[in-house]
Amino acid sequence: MEKRGVPAVVVQRREFVNVTQNAISGFGFPPEVAMVVFPVGLFLVGSDLAPLQHNIDPFIQGLTRWAPKTQEGKTMAPPPPGNQRKRLRGKFFRDESDLPEETVG
């Protein structure tokens, strides 16, 4: 959403901050994200949502002033020629798993 010009803030519980950062990294982005963190009690059914109202400033900061520390992504160079991966011809892995090494490729 940020790349489309729509600011976003993740509302997360403390116990899942690392999980969220790993998920973001899994999509190829830096693990930095505007995030407002609350204790788990806020996320339970019937919980008091007053902490959201009392902590509106972090949301505003995340939507208006937050910027990632990492400004550029890193690119990976393709493997050098001659360092090709082997290609399997079988429809399923088990089709070639018993073949001698020299027949795979």
C-alpha atoms as a PDB file:
ATOM      1  CA  MET A   1       0.000   0.000   0.000  1.00  0.00           C
ATOM      2  CA  GLU A   2       2.835   2.370   0.821  1.00  0.00           C
ATOM      3  CA  LYS A   3       4.257   1.979  -2.683  1.00  0.00           C
ATOM      4  CA  ARG A   4       0.866   3.012  -4.068  1.00  0.00           C
ATOM      5  CA  GLY A   5       0.976   6.174  -1.994  1.00  0.00           C
ATOM      6  CA  VAL A   6      -1.478   4.997   0.650  1.00  0.00           C
ATOM      7  CA  PRO A   7       0.031   5.281   4.130  1.00  0.00           C
ATOM      8  CA  ALA A   8      -0.571   2.321   6.409  1.00  0.00           C
ATOM      9  CA  VAL A   9       0.018   1.421  10.033  1.00  0.00           C
ATOM     10  CA  VAL A  10       0.022  -2.140  11.339  1.00  0.00           C
ATOM     11  CA  VAL A  11      -1.794  -2.653  14.634  1.00  0.00           C
ATOM     12  CA  GLN A  12      -0.161  -5.607  16.314  1.00  0.00           C
ATOM     13  CA  ARG A  13       0.127  -7.336  19.659  1.00  0.00           C
ATOM     14  CA  ARG A  14       3.533  -7.481  21.311  1.00  0.00           C
ATOM     15  CA  GLU A  15       3.862 -11.241  20.962  1.00  0.00           C
ATOM     16  CA  PHE A  16       3.586 -11.111  17.155  1.00  0.00           C
ATOM     17  CA  VAL A  17       5.914  -8.235  16.263  1.00  0.00           C
ATOM     18  CA  ASN A  18       8.699 -10.587  15.113  1.00  0.00           C
ATOM     19  CA  VAL A  19       6.221 -12.746  13.195  1.00  0.00           C
ATOM     20  CA  THR A  20       4.939  -9.672  11.364  1.00  0.00           C
ATOM     21  CA  GLN A  21       8.458  -8.519  10.524  1.00  0.00           C
ATOM     22  CA  ASN A  22       9.333 -11.993   9.212  1.00  0.00           C
ATOM     23  CA  ALA A  23       6.191 -12.056   7.082  1.00  0.00           C
ATOM     24  CA  ILE A  24       7.048  -8.677   5.575  1.00  0.00           C
ATOM     25  CA  SER A  25      10.606  -9.860   4.905  1.00  0.00           C
ATOM     26  CA  GLY A  26       9.179 -12.953   3.246  1.00  0.00           C
ATOM     27  CA  PHE A  27       7.627 -10.714   0.604  1.00  0.00           C
ATOM     28  CA  GLY A  28      11.051  -9.226  -0.101  1.00  0.00           C
ATOM     29  CA  PHE A  29      10.555  -5.989   1.810  1.00  0.00           C
ATOM     30  CA  PRO A  30      12.706  -4.669   4.636  1.00  0.00           C
ATOM     31  CA  PRO A  31      11.165  -5.778   7.952  1.00  0.00           C
ATOM     32  CA  GLU A  32      10.493  -2.168   8.864  1.00  0.00           C
ATOM     33  CA  VAL A  33       6.894  -1.071   8.956  1.00  0.00           C
ATOM     34  CA  ALA A  34       4.908   1.625  10.737  1.00  0.00           C
ATOM     35  CA  MET A  35       3.527  -0.372  13.643  1.00  0.00           C
ATOM     36  CA  VAL A  36       1.587   0.431  16.790  1.00  0.00           C
ATOM     37  CA  VAL A  37       1.950  -2.324  19.365  1.00  0.00           C
ATOM     38  CA  PHE A  38      -0.526  -3.185  22.107  1.00  0.00           C
ATOM     39  CA  PRO A  39      -0.797  -5.917  24.743  1.00  0.00           C
ATOM     40  CA  VAL A  40      -2.735  -9.047  23.852  1.00  0.00           C
ATOM     41  CA  GLY A  41      -5.759  -8.045  25.959  1.00  0.00           C
ATOM     42  CA  LEU A  42      -6.743  -5.429  23.398  1.00  0.00           C
ATOM     43  CA  PHE A  43      -7.271  -8.132  20.786  1.00  0.00           C
ATOM     44  CA  LEU A  44      -9.629 -10.313  22.815  1.00  0.00           C
ATOM     45  CA  VAL A  45     -13.364 -10.385  22.147  1.00  0.00           C
ATOM     46  CA  GLY A  46     -15.170  -7.794  24.241  1.00  0.00           C
ATOM     47  CA  SER A  47     -11.999  -5.994  25.280  1.00  0.00           C
ATOM     48  CA  ASP A  48     -11.849  -2.314  26.156  1.00  0.00           C
ATOM     49  CA  LEU A  49     -10.688  -0.371  23.080  1.00  0.00           C
ATOM     50  CA  ALA A  50      -9.956   2.821  25.041  1.00  0.00           C
ATOM     51  CA  PRO A  51      -6.170   2.300  24.658  1.00  0.00           C
ATOM     52  CA  LEU A  52      -6.610   2.963  20.931  1.00  0.00           C
ATOM     53  CA  GLN A  53      -8.147   6.351  21.641  1.00  0.00           C
ATOM     54  CA  HIS A  54      -5.501   7.237  24.211  1.00  0.00           C
ATOM     55  CA  ASN A  55      -2.679   6.261  21.854  1.00  0.00           C
ATOM     56  CA  ILE A  56      -3.816   8.009  18.684  1.00  0.00           C
ATOM     57  CA  ASP A  57      -0.517   9.918  18.313  1.00  0.00           C
ATOM     58  CA  PRO A  58       1.500   6.847  17.208  1.00  0.00           C
ATOM     59  CA  PHE A  59      -1.107   6.220  14.493  1.00  0.00           C
ATOM     60  CA  ILE A  60      -0.885   9.792  13.256  1.00  0.00           C
ATOM     61  CA  GLN A  61       2.926   9.666  13.313  1.00  0.00           C
ATOM     62  CA  GLY A  62       2.900   6.359  11.419  1.00  0.00           C
ATOM     63  CA  LEU A  63       0.538   7.729   8.776  1.00  0.00           C
ATOM     64  CA  THR A  64       2.181  11.119   8.301  1.00  0.00           C
ATOM     65  CA  ARG A  65       5.853  11.129   9.353  1.00  0.00           C
ATOM     66  CA  TRP A  66       7.117   7.552   9.532  1.00  0.00           C
ATOM     67  CA  ALA A  67       9.826   6.566   7.042  1.00  0.00           C
ATOM     68  CA  PRO A  68      11.830   3.344   6.809  1.00  0.00           C
ATOM     69  CA  LYS A  69      15.479   3.447   7.798  1.00  0.00           C
ATOM     70  CA  THR A  70      16.338   1.358   4.756  1.00  0.00           C
ATOM     71  CA  GLN A  71      15.843   3.500   1.684  1.00  0.00           C
ATOM     72  CA  GLU A  72      17.124   1.148  -0.995  1.00  0.00           C
ATOM     73  CA  GLY A  73      16.633  -2.514  -1.630  1.00  0.00           C
ATOM     74  CA  LYS A  74      19.520  -4.797  -2.367  1.00  0.00           C
ATOM     75  CA  THR A  75      19.608  -6.712  -5.612  1.00  0.00           C
ATOM     76  CA  MET A  76      21.028 -10.171  -6.123  1.00  0.00           C
ATOM     77  CA  ALA A  77      23.160 -10.937  -9.136  1.00  0.00           C
ATOM     78  CA  PRO A  78      22.246 -14.044 -11.124  1.00  0.00           C
ATOM     79  CA  PRO A  79      24.541 -17.047 -10.734  1.00  0.00           C
ATOM     80  CA  PRO A  80      27.600 -17.022 -12.991  1.00  0.00           C
ATOM     81  CA  PRO A  81      27.447 -19.073 -16.219  1.00  0.00           C
ATOM     82  CA  GLY A  82      28.413 -22.686 -15.739  1.00  0.00           C
ATOM     83  CA  ASN A  83      26.877 -22.781 -12.271  1.00  0.00           C
ATOM     84  CA  GLN A  84      23.591 -24.142 -13.548  1.00  0.00           C
ATOM     85  CA  ARG A  85      21.136 -26.029 -11.423  1.00  0.00           C
ATOM     86  CA  LYS A  86      20.145 -29.528 -12.387  1.00  0.00           C
ATOM     87  CA  ARG A  87      16.755 -29.917 -13.975  1.00  0.00           C
ATOM     88  CA  LEU A  88      14.562 -32.871 -13.244  1.00  0.00           C
ATOM     89  CA  ARG A  89      12.562 -34.315 -16.118  1.00  0.00           C
ATOM     90  CA  GLY A  90      10.132 -36.431 -14.131  1.00  0.00           C
ATOM     91  CA  LYS A  91       6.616 -35.268 -13.477  1.00  0.00           C
ATOM     92  CA  PHE A  92       7.077 -35.947  -9.778  1.00  0.00           C
ATOM     93  CA  PHE A  93      10.227 -35.985  -7.669  1.00  0.00           C
ATOM     94  CA  ARG A  94       9.853 -39.701  -7.007  1.00  0.00           C
ATOM     95  CA  ASP A  95      10.060 -40.376 -10.778  1.00  0.00           C
ATOM     96  CA  GLU A  96      13.788 -39.551 -10.800  1.00  0.00           C
ATOM     97  CA  SER A  97      14.798 -40.062  -7.213  1.00  0.00           C
ATOM     98  CA  ASP A  98      16.127 -43.572  -7.941  1.00  0.00           C
ATOM     99  CA  LEU A  99      17.996 -42.608 -11.133  1.00  0.00           C
ATOM    100  CA  PRO A 100      21.798 -42.496 -11.156  1.00  0.00           C
ATOM    101  CA  GLU A 101      23.264 -38.986 -10.813  1.00  0.00           C
ATOM    102  CA  GLU A 102      24.472 -38.807 -14.436  1.00  0.00           C
ATOM    103  CA  THR A 103      20.956 -39.277 -15.848  1.00  0.00           C
ATOM    104  CA  VAL A 104      19.532 -36.314 -13.966  1.00  0.00           C
ATOM    105  CA  GLY A 105      20.115 -32.998 -15.677  1.00  0.00           C
END
